[in-house]
Amino acid sequence: MALRIVIDVLIGIGLIFALAGTKGILKMPDTFSRMQASTCVSTMGVIGVALGALLYAIFIMGSAGTAIKIAVIALLIITINPIGSHAIAKGAYRAGIRPEKRMEIDDLREDLENE
């Protein structure tokens, strides 16, 4: 019974992060802020849901194969999500999209000027 409560809480935490990311996408002023909100929060949401799903797969279902698949999917999302977000942000910057507020340090502009 206590294990089921822990599983539900972890999945609920993942849901809260996912909802916060959705609200961030709708409320943020520019492309880069929206991407930050969606990437960071969705990654954190995956961690909560994946931990809950791992506990469920191991202790309630008793399926090691399912647990391994969940772990691999979670690790891929945790590593690929930030990399993909960085690539999209760099592409948007190269396409001429700039943040709404002026940046004090603009390392990407300096990198692009040196190419």
PDB file of N, CA and C in Angstrom:
ATOM      1  N   MET A   1       0.825  -1.201   0.000  1.00  0.00           N
ATOM      2  CA  MET A   1       0.000   0.000   0.000  1.00  0.00           C
ATOM      3  C   MET A   1       0.870   1.267   0.000  1.00  0.00           C
ATOM      4  N   ALA A   2       1.909   1.290   0.849  1.00  0.00           N
ATOM      5  CA  ALA A   2       2.783   2.464   0.913  1.00  0.00           C
ATOM      6  C   ALA A   2       3.559   2.622  -0.388  1.00  0.00           C
ATOM      7  N   LEU A   3       3.948   1.508  -0.986  1.00  0.00           N
ATOM      8  CA  LEU A   3       4.664   1.569  -2.250  1.00  0.00           C
ATOM      9  C   LEU A   3       3.788   2.188  -3.328  1.00  0.00           C
ATOM     10  N   ARG A   4       2.544   1.828  -3.356  1.00  0.00           N
ATOM     11  CA  ARG A   4       1.622   2.378  -4.348  1.00  0.00           C
ATOM     12  C   ARG A   4       1.455   3.889  -4.169  1.00  0.00           C
ATOM     13  N   ILE A   5       1.466   4.360  -2.931  1.00  0.00           N
ATOM     14  CA  ILE A   5       1.369   5.799  -2.671  1.00  0.00           C
ATOM     15  C   ILE A   5       2.623   6.504  -3.183  1.00  0.00           C
ATOM     16  N   VAL A   6       3.789   5.924  -2.950  1.00  0.00           N
ATOM     17  CA  VAL A   6       5.045   6.501  -3.435  1.00  0.00           C
ATOM     18  C   VAL A   6       5.043   6.572  -4.957  1.00  0.00           C
ATOM     19  N   ILE A   7       4.590   5.508  -5.594  1.00  0.00           N
ATOM     20  CA  ILE A   7       4.515   5.480  -7.060  1.00  0.00           C
ATOM     21  C   ILE A   7       3.585   6.576  -7.567  1.00  0.00           C
ATOM     22  N   ASP A   8       2.426   6.700  -6.943  1.00  0.00           N
ATOM     23  CA  ASP A   8       1.462   7.723  -7.368  1.00  0.00           C
ATOM     24  C   ASP A   8       2.003   9.133  -7.149  1.00  0.00           C
ATOM     25  N   VAL A   9       2.724   9.342  -6.060  1.00  0.00           N
ATOM     26  CA  VAL A   9       3.307  10.659  -5.790  1.00  0.00           C
ATOM     27  C   VAL A   9       4.370  10.993  -6.838  1.00  0.00           C
ATOM     28  N   LEU A  10       5.229  10.044  -7.186  1.00  0.00           N
ATOM     29  CA  LEU A  10       6.254  10.282  -8.201  1.00  0.00           C
ATOM     30  C   LEU A  10       5.635  10.615  -9.557  1.00  0.00           C
ATOM     31  N   ILE A  11       4.623   9.874  -9.935  1.00  0.00           N
ATOM     32  CA  ILE A  11       3.947  10.153 -11.207  1.00  0.00           C
ATOM     33  C   ILE A  11       3.239  11.502 -11.142  1.00  0.00           C
ATOM     34  N   GLY A  12       2.670  11.835  -9.986  1.00  0.00           N
ATOM     35  CA  GLY A  12       2.041  13.146  -9.802  1.00  0.00           C
ATOM     36  C   GLY A  12       3.046  14.281  -9.913  1.00  0.00           C
ATOM     37  N   ILE A  13       4.247  14.082  -9.356  1.00  0.00           N
ATOM     38  CA  ILE A  13       5.300  15.094  -9.479  1.00  0.00           C
ATOM     39  C   ILE A  13       5.671  15.292 -10.945  1.00  0.00           C
ATOM     40  N   GLY A  14       5.788  14.199 -11.687  1.00  0.00           N
ATOM     41  CA  GLY A  14       6.060  14.306 -13.120  1.00  0.00           C
ATOM     42  C   GLY A  14       4.963  15.057 -13.849  1.00  0.00           C
ATOM     43  N   LEU A  15       3.717  14.807 -13.464  1.00  0.00           N
ATOM     44  CA  LEU A  15       2.584  15.501 -14.077  1.00  0.00           C
ATOM     45  C   LEU A  15       2.631  16.993 -13.776  1.00  0.00           C
ATOM     46  N   ILE A  16       2.972  17.349 -12.549  1.00  0.00           N
ATOM     47  CA  ILE A  16       3.056  18.766 -12.176  1.00  0.00           C
ATOM     48  C   ILE A  16       4.129  19.470 -13.008  1.00  0.00           C
ATOM     49  N   PHE A  17       5.280  18.817 -13.181  1.00  0.00           N
ATOM     50  CA  PHE A  17       6.331  19.413 -14.007  1.00  0.00           C
ATOM     51  C   PHE A  17       5.869  19.560 -15.453  1.00  0.00           C
ATOM     52  N   ALA A  18       5.180  18.573 -15.965  1.00  0.00           N
ATOM     53  CA  ALA A  18       4.693  18.656 -17.346  1.00  0.00           C
ATOM     54  C   ALA A  18       3.687  19.799 -17.507  1.00  0.00           C
ATOM     55  N   LEU A  19       2.800  19.958 -16.545  1.00  0.00           N
ATOM     56  CA  LEU A  19       1.830  21.058 -16.608  1.00  0.00           C
ATOM     57  C   LEU A  19       2.521  22.412 -16.474  1.00  0.00           C
ATOM     58  N   ALA A  20       3.536  22.487 -15.618  1.00  0.00           N
ATOM     59  CA  ALA A  20       4.284  23.739 -15.477  1.00  0.00           C
ATOM     60  C   ALA A  20       5.004  24.085 -16.785  1.00  0.00           C
ATOM     61  N   GLY A  21       5.525  23.081 -17.465  1.00  0.00           N
ATOM     62  CA  GLY A  21       6.171  23.319 -18.757  1.00  0.00           C
ATOM     63  C   GLY A  21       5.196  23.827 -19.793  1.00  0.00           C
ATOM     64  N   THR A  22       3.994  23.272 -19.782  1.00  0.00           N
ATOM     65  CA  THR A  22       2.963  23.726 -20.713  1.00  0.00           C
ATOM     66  C   THR A  22       2.598  25.175 -20.433  1.00  0.00           C
ATOM     67  N   LYS A  23       2.449  25.513 -19.159  1.00  0.00           N
ATOM     68  CA  LYS A  23       2.139  26.903 -18.812  1.00  0.00           C
ATOM     69  C   LYS A  23       3.300  27.820 -19.195  1.00  0.00           C
ATOM     70  N   GLY A  24       4.540  27.355 -19.009  1.00  0.00           N
ATOM     71  CA  GLY A  24       5.702  28.146 -19.387  1.00  0.00           C
ATOM     72  C   GLY A  24       5.755  28.421 -20.873  1.00  0.00           C
ATOM     73  N   ILE A  25       5.396  27.436 -21.675  1.00  0.00           N
ATOM     74  CA  ILE A  25       5.385  27.630 -23.130  1.00  0.00           C
ATOM     75  C   ILE A  25       4.377  28.713 -23.511  1.00  0.00           C
ATOM     76  N   LEU A  26       3.241  28.720 -22.837  1.00  0.00           N
ATOM     77  CA  LEU A  26       2.208  29.695 -23.165  1.00  0.00           C
ATOM     78  C   LEU A  26       2.522  31.096 -22.638  1.00  0.00           C
ATOM     79  N   LYS A  27       3.238  31.198 -21.518  1.00  0.00           N
ATOM     80  CA  LYS A  27       3.449  32.492 -20.868  1.00  0.00           C
ATOM     81  C   LYS A  27       4.766  33.187 -21.213  1.00  0.00           C
ATOM     82  N   MET A  28       5.769  32.448 -21.637  1.00  0.00           N
ATOM     83  CA  MET A  28       7.080  33.047 -21.867  1.00  0.00           C
ATOM     84  C   MET A  28       7.062  33.966 -23.087  1.00  0.00           C
ATOM     85  N   PRO A  29       7.908  35.017 -23.067  1.00  0.00           N
ATOM     86  CA  PRO A  29       7.815  36.055 -24.097  1.00  0.00           C
ATOM     87  C   PRO A  29       8.470  35.722 -25.438  1.00  0.00           C
ATOM     88  N   ASP A  30       9.530  34.907 -25.446  1.00  0.00           N
ATOM     89  CA  ASP A  30      10.212  34.690 -26.713  1.00  0.00           C
ATOM     90  C   ASP A  30      10.561  33.218 -26.909  1.00  0.00           C
ATOM     91  N   THR A  31      11.099  32.916 -28.071  1.00  0.00           N
ATOM     92  CA  THR A  31      11.395  31.542 -28.472  1.00  0.00           C
ATOM     93  C   THR A  31      12.340  30.851 -27.503  1.00  0.00           C
ATOM     94  N   PHE A  32      13.380  31.536 -27.104  1.00  0.00           N
ATOM     95  CA  PHE A  32      14.401  30.916 -26.265  1.00  0.00           C
ATOM     96  C   PHE A  32      13.879  30.621 -24.854  1.00  0.00           C
ATOM     97  N   SER A  33      13.075  31.509 -24.325  1.00  0.00           N
ATOM     98  CA  SER A  33      12.473  31.274 -23.011  1.00  0.00           C
ATOM     99  C   SER A  33      11.496  30.101 -23.072  1.00  0.00           C
ATOM    100  N   ARG A  34      10.732  30.025 -24.132  1.00  0.00           N
ATOM    101  CA  ARG A  34       9.788  28.917 -24.293  1.00  0.00           C
ATOM    102  C   ARG A  34      10.518  27.587 -24.409  1.00  0.00           C
ATOM    103  N   MET A  35      11.616  27.582 -25.147  1.00  0.00           N
ATOM    104  CA  MET A  35      12.376  26.337 -25.286  1.00  0.00           C
ATOM    105  C   MET A  35      12.987  25.919 -23.959  1.00  0.00           C
ATOM    106  N   GLN A  36      13.458  26.875 -23.175  1.00  0.00           N
ATOM    107  CA  GLN A  36      14.024  26.554 -21.869  1.00  0.00           C
ATOM    108  C   GLN A  36      12.964  25.965 -20.969  1.00  0.00           C
ATOM    109  N   ALA A  37      11.784  26.566 -20.980  1.00  0.00           N
ATOM    110  CA  ALA A  37      10.704  26.060 -20.140  1.00  0.00           C
ATOM    111  C   ALA A  37      10.298  24.653 -20.562  1.00  0.00           C
ATOM    112  N   SER A  38      10.158  24.444 -21.837  1.00  0.00           N
ATOM    113  CA  SER A  38       9.696  23.133 -22.290  1.00  0.00           C
ATOM    114  C   SER A  38      10.746  22.046 -22.078  1.00  0.00           C
ATOM    115  N   THR A  39      12.002  22.361 -22.303  1.00  0.00           N
ATOM    116  CA  THR A  39      13.048  21.350 -22.179  1.00  0.00           C
ATOM    117  C   THR A  39      13.331  20.973 -20.736  1.00  0.00           C
ATOM    118  N   CYS A  40      13.588  21.966 -19.911  1.00  0.00           N
ATOM    119  CA  CYS A  40      13.943  21.677 -18.516  1.00  0.00           C
ATOM    120  C   CYS A  40      12.800  20.994 -17.776  1.00  0.00           C
ATOM    121  N   VAL A  41      11.621  21.511 -17.962  1.00  0.00           N
ATOM    122  CA  VAL A  41      10.490  20.982 -17.213  1.00  0.00           C
ATOM    123  C   VAL A  41      10.081  19.608 -17.730  1.00  0.00           C
ATOM    124  N   SER A  42      10.148  19.399 -19.022  1.00  0.00           N
ATOM    125  CA  SER A  42       9.781  18.068 -19.521  1.00  0.00           C
ATOM    126  C   SER A  42      10.804  17.026 -19.092  1.00  0.00           C
ATOM    127  N   THR A  43      12.070  17.426 -19.022  1.00  0.00           N
ATOM    128  CA  THR A  43      13.091  16.497 -18.538  1.00  0.00           C
ATOM    129  C   THR A  43      12.845  16.145 -17.084  1.00  0.00           C
ATOM    130  N   MET A  44      12.535  17.132 -16.275  1.00  0.00           N
ATOM    131  CA  MET A  44      12.231  16.863 -14.862  1.00  0.00           C
ATOM    132  C   MET A  44      10.957  16.025 -14.719  1.00  0.00           C
ATOM    133  N   GLY A  45       9.980  16.275 -15.575  1.00  0.00           N
ATOM    134  CA  GLY A  45       8.758  15.478 -15.548  1.00  0.00           C
ATOM    135  C   GLY A  45       9.011  14.026 -15.890  1.00  0.00           C
ATOM    136  N   VAL A  46       9.898  13.788 -16.842  1.00  0.00           N
ATOM    137  CA  VAL A  46      10.237  12.418 -17.218  1.00  0.00           C
ATOM    138  C   VAL A  46      10.899  11.691 -16.055  1.00  0.00           C
ATOM    139  N   ILE A  47      11.725  12.393 -15.294  1.00  0.00           N
ATOM    140  CA  ILE A  47      12.390  11.755 -14.155  1.00  0.00           C
ATOM    141  C   ILE A  47      11.361  11.247 -13.154  1.00  0.00           C
ATOM    142  N   GLY A  48      10.382  12.073 -12.809  1.00  0.00           N
ATOM    143  CA  GLY A  48       9.351  11.646 -11.856  1.00  0.00           C
ATOM    144  C   GLY A  48       8.522  10.484 -12.368  1.00  0.00           C
ATOM    145  N   VAL A  49       8.064  10.603 -13.588  1.00  0.00           N
ATOM    146  CA  VAL A  49       7.234   9.534 -14.159  1.00  0.00           C
ATOM    147  C   VAL A  49       8.046   8.253 -14.328  1.00  0.00           C
ATOM    148  N   ALA A  50       9.289   8.383 -14.775  1.00  0.00           N
ATOM    149  CA  ALA A  50      10.122   7.198 -14.984  1.00  0.00           C
ATOM    150  C   ALA A  50      10.420   6.489 -13.665  1.00  0.00           C
ATOM    151  N   LEU A  51      10.703   7.243 -12.606  1.00  0.00           N
ATOM    152  CA  LEU A  51      10.936   6.603 -11.305  1.00  0.00           C
ATOM    153  C   LEU A  51       9.690   5.870 -10.819  1.00  0.00           C
ATOM    154  N   GLY A  52       8.539   6.509 -10.973  1.00  0.00           N
ATOM    155  CA  GLY A  52       7.292   5.842 -10.595  1.00  0.00           C
ATOM    156  C   GLY A  52       7.034   4.605 -11.432  1.00  0.00           C
ATOM    157  N   ALA A  53       7.276   4.703 -12.726  1.00  0.00           N
ATOM    158  CA  ALA A  53       7.061   3.561 -13.605  1.00  0.00           C
ATOM    159  C   ALA A  53       8.060   2.435 -13.318  1.00  0.00           C
ATOM    160  N   LEU A  54       9.304   2.806 -12.987  1.00  0.00           N
ATOM    161  CA  LEU A  54      10.294   1.780 -12.628  1.00  0.00           C
ATOM    162  C   LEU A  54       9.874   1.017 -11.375  1.00  0.00           C
ATOM    163  N   LEU A  55       9.453   1.741 -10.364  1.00  0.00           N
ATOM    164  CA  LEU A  55       8.986   1.079  -9.137  1.00  0.00           C
ATOM    165  C   LEU A  55       7.795   0.177  -9.426  1.00  0.00           C
ATOM    166  N   TYR A  56       6.880   0.665 -10.257  1.00  0.00           N
ATOM    167  CA  TYR A  56       5.705  -0.136 -10.606  1.00  0.00           C
ATOM    168  C   TYR A  56       6.119  -1.398 -11.362  1.00  0.00           C
ATOM    169  N   ALA A  57       7.018  -1.244 -12.323  1.00  0.00           N
ATOM    170  CA  ALA A  57       7.434  -2.390 -13.133  1.00  0.00           C
ATOM    171  C   ALA A  57       8.181  -3.425 -12.302  1.00  0.00           C
ATOM    172  N   ILE A  58       9.014  -2.972 -11.383  1.00  0.00           N
ATOM    173  CA  ILE A  58       9.824  -3.903 -10.606  1.00  0.00           C
ATOM    174  C   ILE A  58       9.009  -4.572  -9.502  1.00  0.00           C
ATOM    175  N   PHE A  59       8.334  -3.778  -8.695  1.00  0.00           N
ATOM    176  CA  PHE A  59       7.718  -4.320  -7.487  1.00  0.00           C
ATOM    177  C   PHE A  59       6.278  -4.794  -7.658  1.00  0.00           C
ATOM    178  N   ILE A  60       5.522  -4.195  -8.542  1.00  0.00           N
ATOM    179  CA  ILE A  60       4.124  -4.608  -8.697  1.00  0.00           C
ATOM    180  C   ILE A  60       3.965  -5.578  -9.861  1.00  0.00           C
ATOM    181  N   MET A  61       4.561  -5.241 -11.020  1.00  0.00           N
ATOM    182  CA  MET A  61       4.468  -6.138 -12.169  1.00  0.00           C
ATOM    183  C   MET A  61       5.467  -7.287 -12.079  1.00  0.00           C
ATOM    184  N   GLY A  62       6.616  -7.020 -11.486  1.00  0.00           N
ATOM    185  CA  GLY A  62       7.660  -8.032 -11.409  1.00  0.00           C
ATOM    186  C   GLY A  62       8.330  -8.291 -12.736  1.00  0.00           C
ATOM    187  N   SER A  63       8.407  -7.281 -13.573  1.00  0.00           N
ATOM    188  CA  SER A  63       8.949  -7.440 -14.913  1.00  0.00           C
ATOM    189  C   SER A  63      10.261  -6.674 -15.051  1.00  0.00           C
ATOM    190  N   ALA A  64      11.357  -7.393 -15.074  1.00  0.00           N
ATOM    191  CA  ALA A  64      12.668  -6.757 -15.226  1.00  0.00           C
ATOM    192  C   ALA A  64      12.849  -6.197 -16.640  1.00  0.00           C
ATOM    193  N   GLY A  65      12.292  -6.874 -17.623  1.00  0.00           N
ATOM    194  CA  GLY A  65      12.402  -6.402 -19.007  1.00  0.00           C
ATOM    195  C   GLY A  65      11.731  -5.049 -19.198  1.00  0.00           C
ATOM    196  N   THR A  66      10.563  -4.885 -18.624  1.00  0.00           N
ATOM    197  CA  THR A  66       9.858  -3.607 -18.712  1.00  0.00           C
ATOM    198  C   THR A  66      10.637  -2.521 -17.978  1.00  0.00           C
ATOM    199  N   ALA A  67      11.197  -2.864 -16.825  1.00  0.00           N
ATOM    200  CA  ALA A  67      11.978  -1.888 -16.055  1.00  0.00           C
ATOM    201  C   ALA A  67      13.196  -1.423 -16.841  1.00  0.00           C
ATOM    202  N   ILE A  68      13.847  -2.336 -17.526  1.00  0.00           N
ATOM    203  CA  ILE A  68      15.022  -1.965 -18.326  1.00  0.00           C
ATOM    204  C   ILE A  68      14.617  -1.040 -19.472  1.00  0.00           C
ATOM    205  N   LYS A  69      13.499  -1.341 -20.117  1.00  0.00           N
ATOM    206  CA  LYS A  69      13.025  -0.481 -21.212  1.00  0.00           C
ATOM    207  C   LYS A  69      12.696   0.910 -20.703  1.00  0.00           C
ATOM    208  N   ILE A  70      12.048   1.008 -19.551  1.00  0.00           N
ATOM    209  CA  ILE A  70      11.716   2.309 -18.971  1.00  0.00           C
ATOM    210  C   ILE A  70      12.987   3.082 -18.645  1.00  0.00           C
ATOM    211  N   ALA A  71      13.971   2.402 -18.068  1.00  0.00           N
ATOM    212  CA  ALA A  71      15.235   3.064 -17.709  1.00  0.00           C
ATOM    213  C   ALA A  71      15.961   3.572 -18.948  1.00  0.00           C
ATOM    214  N   VAL A  72      15.988   2.777 -20.010  1.00  0.00           N
ATOM    215  CA  VAL A  72      16.668   3.195 -21.238  1.00  0.00           C
ATOM    216  C   VAL A  72      15.958   4.396 -21.856  1.00  0.00           C
ATOM    217  N   ILE A  73      14.638   4.356 -21.913  1.00  0.00           N
ATOM    218  CA  ILE A  73      13.880   5.475 -22.471  1.00  0.00           C
ATOM    219  C   ILE A  73      14.113   6.735 -21.652  1.00  0.00           C
ATOM    220  N   ALA A  74      14.090   6.615 -20.326  1.00  0.00           N
ATOM    221  CA  ALA A  74      14.309   7.781 -19.459  1.00  0.00           C
ATOM    222  C   ALA A  74      15.711   8.347 -19.654  1.00  0.00           C
ATOM    223  N   LEU A  75      16.714   7.493 -19.718  1.00  0.00           N
ATOM    224  CA  LEU A  75      18.084   7.970 -19.920  1.00  0.00           C
ATOM    225  C   LEU A  75      18.250   8.654 -21.271  1.00  0.00           C
ATOM    226  N   LEU A  76      17.627   8.109 -22.302  1.00  0.00           N
ATOM    227  CA  LEU A  76      17.700   8.743 -23.615  1.00  0.00           C
ATOM    228  C   LEU A  76      17.045  10.123 -23.606  1.00  0.00           C
ATOM    229  N   ILE A  77      15.886  10.225 -22.981  1.00  0.00           N
ATOM    230  CA  ILE A  77      15.202  11.526 -22.933  1.00  0.00           C
ATOM    231  C   ILE A  77      16.012  12.523 -22.126  1.00  0.00           C
ATOM    232  N   ILE A  78      16.573  12.086 -21.003  1.00  0.00           N
ATOM    233  CA  ILE A  78      17.346  12.983 -20.152  1.00  0.00           C
ATOM    234  C   ILE A  78      18.600  13.486 -20.861  1.00  0.00           C
ATOM    235  N   THR A  79      19.213  12.663 -21.694  1.00  0.00           N
ATOM    236  CA  THR A  79      20.422  13.102 -22.391  1.00  0.00           C
ATOM    237  C   THR A  79      20.129  13.809 -23.714  1.00  0.00           C
ATOM    238  N   ILE A  80      19.137  13.365 -24.448  1.00  0.00           N
ATOM    239  CA  ILE A  80      18.882  13.911 -25.779  1.00  0.00           C
ATOM    240  C   ILE A  80      18.069  15.204 -25.736  1.00  0.00           C
ATOM    241  N   ASN A  81      17.201  15.362 -24.758  1.00  0.00           N
ATOM    242  CA  ASN A  81      16.366  16.559 -24.669  1.00  0.00           C
ATOM    243  C   ASN A  81      17.193  17.851 -24.619  1.00  0.00           C
ATOM    244  N   PRO A  82      18.170  17.978 -23.727  1.00  0.00           N
ATOM    245  CA  PRO A  82      18.966  19.211 -23.715  1.00  0.00           C
ATOM    246  C   PRO A  82      19.798  19.413 -24.983  1.00  0.00           C
ATOM    247  N   ILE A  83      20.305  18.333 -25.542  1.00  0.00           N
ATOM    248  CA  ILE A  83      21.107  18.444 -26.771  1.00  0.00           C
ATOM    249  C   ILE A  83      20.238  18.937 -27.923  1.00  0.00           C
ATOM    250  N   GLY A  84      19.063  18.384 -28.052  1.00  0.00           N
ATOM    251  CA  GLY A  84      18.145  18.825 -29.101  1.00  0.00           C
ATOM    252  C   GLY A  84      17.708  20.264 -28.918  1.00  0.00           C
ATOM    253  N   SER A  85      17.453  20.645 -27.693  1.00  0.00           N
ATOM    254  CA  SER A  85      17.057  22.023 -27.410  1.00  0.00           C
ATOM    255  C   SER A  85      18.171  22.996 -27.767  1.00  0.00           C
ATOM    256  N   HIS A  86      19.399  22.626 -27.456  1.00  0.00           N
ATOM    257  CA  HIS A  86      20.536  23.485 -27.798  1.00  0.00           C
ATOM    258  C   HIS A  86      20.671  23.635 -29.313  1.00  0.00           C
ATOM    259  N   ALA A  87      20.504  22.544 -30.026  1.00  0.00           N
ATOM    260  CA  ALA A  87      20.609  22.599 -31.491  1.00  0.00           C
ATOM    261  C   ALA A  87      19.504  23.464 -32.086  1.00  0.00           C
ATOM    262  N   ILE A  88      18.296  23.346 -31.569  1.00  0.00           N
ATOM    263  CA  ILE A  88      17.183  24.163 -32.071  1.00  0.00           C
ATOM    264  C   ILE A  88      17.421  25.635 -31.752  1.00  0.00           C
ATOM    265  N   ALA A  89      17.914  25.921 -30.537  1.00  0.00           N
ATOM    266  CA  ALA A  89      18.183  27.313 -30.166  1.00  0.00           C
ATOM    267  C   ALA A  89      19.271  27.915 -31.048  1.00  0.00           C
ATOM    268  N   LYS A  90      20.306  27.163 -31.319  1.00  0.00           N
ATOM    269  CA  LYS A  90      21.383  27.661 -32.168  1.00  0.00           C
ATOM    270  C   LYS A  90      20.877  27.901 -33.594  1.00  0.00           C
ATOM    271  N   GLY A  91      20.033  27.001 -34.084  1.00  0.00           N
ATOM    272  CA  GLY A  91      19.447  27.194 -35.407  1.00  0.00           C
ATOM    273  C   GLY A  91      18.544  28.410 -35.462  1.00  0.00           C
ATOM    274  N   ALA A  92      17.767  28.633 -34.416  1.00  0.00           N
ATOM    275  CA  ALA A  92      16.901  29.811 -34.376  1.00  0.00           C
ATOM    276  C   ALA A  92      17.730  31.086 -34.330  1.00  0.00           C
ATOM    277  N   TYR A  93      18.800  31.059 -33.567  1.00  0.00           N
ATOM    278  CA  TYR A  93      19.666  32.238 -33.489  1.00  0.00           C
ATOM    279  C   TYR A  93      20.315  32.524 -34.838  1.00  0.00           C
ATOM    280  N   ARG A  94      20.763  31.475 -35.507  1.00  0.00           N
ATOM    281  CA  ARG A  94      21.366  31.659 -36.842  1.00  0.00           C
ATOM    282  C   ARG A  94      20.349  32.176 -37.850  1.00  0.00           C
ATOM    283  N   ALA A  95      19.079  31.821 -37.654  1.00  0.00           N
ATOM    284  CA  ALA A  95      18.036  32.262 -38.573  1.00  0.00           C
ATOM    285  C   ALA A  95      17.631  33.713 -38.325  1.00  0.00           C
ATOM    286  N   GLY A  96      18.205  34.316 -37.291  1.00  0.00           N
ATOM    287  CA  GLY A  96      17.923  35.732 -37.054  1.00  0.00           C
ATOM    288  C   GLY A  96      16.959  35.999 -35.918  1.00  0.00           C
ATOM    289  N   ILE A  97      16.486  34.972 -35.248  1.00  0.00           N
ATOM    290  CA  ILE A  97      15.592  35.170 -34.108  1.00  0.00           C
ATOM    291  C   ILE A  97      16.447  35.547 -32.910  1.00  0.00           C
ATOM    292  N   ARG A  98      16.095  36.628 -32.237  1.00  0.00           N
ATOM    293  CA  ARG A  98      16.857  37.098 -31.088  1.00  0.00           C
ATOM    294  C   ARG A  98      15.955  37.139 -29.856  1.00  0.00           C
ATOM    295  N   PRO A  99      16.556  37.017 -28.677  1.00  0.00           N
ATOM    296  CA  PRO A  99      15.765  37.134 -27.448  1.00  0.00           C
ATOM    297  C   PRO A  99      15.121  38.511 -27.346  1.00  0.00           C
ATOM    298  N   GLU A 100      14.007  38.566 -26.609  1.00  0.00           N
ATOM    299  CA  GLU A 100      13.278  39.821 -26.479  1.00  0.00           C
ATOM    300  C   GLU A 100      14.106  40.871 -25.742  1.00  0.00           C
ATOM    301  N   LYS A 101      14.795  40.464 -24.681  1.00  0.00           N
ATOM    302  CA  LYS A 101      15.649  41.382 -23.937  1.00  0.00           C
ATOM    303  C   LYS A 101      17.085  41.253 -24.448  1.00  0.00           C
ATOM    304  N   ARG A 102      17.805  42.363 -24.399  1.00  0.00           N
ATOM    305  CA  ARG A 102      19.202  42.347 -24.826  1.00  0.00           C
ATOM    306  C   ARG A 102      20.026  41.530 -23.836  1.00  0.00           C
ATOM    307  N   MET A 103      20.891  40.653 -24.351  1.00  0.00           N
ATOM    308  CA  MET A 103      21.727  39.827 -23.497  1.00  0.00           C
ATOM    309  C   MET A 103      23.009  40.568 -23.161  1.00  0.00           C
ATOM    310  N   GLU A 104      23.434  40.473 -21.907  1.00  0.00           N
ATOM    311  CA  GLU A 104      24.693  41.090 -21.498  1.00  0.00           C
ATOM    312  C   GLU A 104      25.882  40.355 -22.125  1.00  0.00           C
ATOM    313  N   ILE A 105      25.827  39.034 -22.099  1.00  0.00           N
ATOM    314  CA  ILE A 105      26.886  38.214 -22.674  1.00  0.00           C
ATOM    315  C   ILE A 105      26.263  37.397 -23.797  1.00  0.00           C
ATOM    316  N   ASP A 106      26.729  37.586 -24.988  1.00  0.00           N
ATOM    317  CA  ASP A 106      26.174  36.899 -26.151  1.00  0.00           C
ATOM    318  C   ASP A 106      27.271  36.042 -26.776  1.00  0.00           C
ATOM    319  N   ASP A 107      27.572  34.916 -26.139  1.00  0.00           N
ATOM    320  CA  ASP A 107      28.636  34.039 -26.618  1.00  0.00           C
ATOM    321  C   ASP A 107      28.326  33.462 -27.998  1.00  0.00           C
ATOM    322  N   LEU A 108      27.076  33.183 -28.265  1.00  0.00           N
ATOM    323  CA  LEU A 108      26.722  32.577 -29.543  1.00  0.00           C
ATOM    324  C   LEU A 108      26.986  33.546 -30.700  1.00  0.00           C
ATOM    325  N   ARG A 109      26.714  34.816 -30.487  1.00  0.00           N
ATOM    326  CA  ARG A 109      26.996  35.808 -31.537  1.00  0.00           C
ATOM    327  C   ARG A 109      28.493  35.849 -31.823  1.00  0.00           C
ATOM    328  N   GLU A 110      29.299  35.796 -30.763  1.00  0.00           N
ATOM    329  CA  GLU A 110      30.749  35.805 -30.939  1.00  0.00           C
ATOM    330  C   GLU A 110      31.215  34.554 -31.688  1.00  0.00           C
ATOM    331  N   ASP A 111      30.601  33.405 -31.387  1.00  0.00           N
ATOM    332  CA  ASP A 111      30.969  32.166 -32.087  1.00  0.00           C
ATOM    333  C   ASP A 111      30.619  32.255 -33.565  1.00  0.00           C
ATOM    334  N   LEU A 112      29.443  32.813 -33.876  1.00  0.00           N
ATOM    335  CA  LEU A 112      29.013  32.900 -35.260  1.00  0.00           C
ATOM    336  C   LEU A 112      29.851  33.901 -36.047  1.00  0.00           C
ATOM    337  N   GLU A 113      30.327  34.972 -35.389  1.00  0.00           N
ATOM    338  CA  GLU A 113      31.160  35.939 -36.078  1.00  0.00           C
ATOM    339  C   GLU A 113      32.525  35.366 -36.413  1.00  0.00           C
ATOM    340  N   ASN A 114      32.981  34.382 -35.634  1.00  0.00           N
ATOM    341  CA  ASN A 114      34.310  33.798 -35.850  1.00  0.00           C
ATOM    342  C   ASN A 114      34.291  32.686 -36.893  1.00  0.00           C
ATOM    343  N   GLU A 115      33.137  32.296 -37.369  1.00  0.00           N
ATOM    344  CA  GLU A 115      33.061  31.196 -38.340  1.00  0.00           C
ATOM    345  C   GLU A 115      33.499  31.636 -39.714  1.00  0.00           C
TER     346      GLU A 115
END
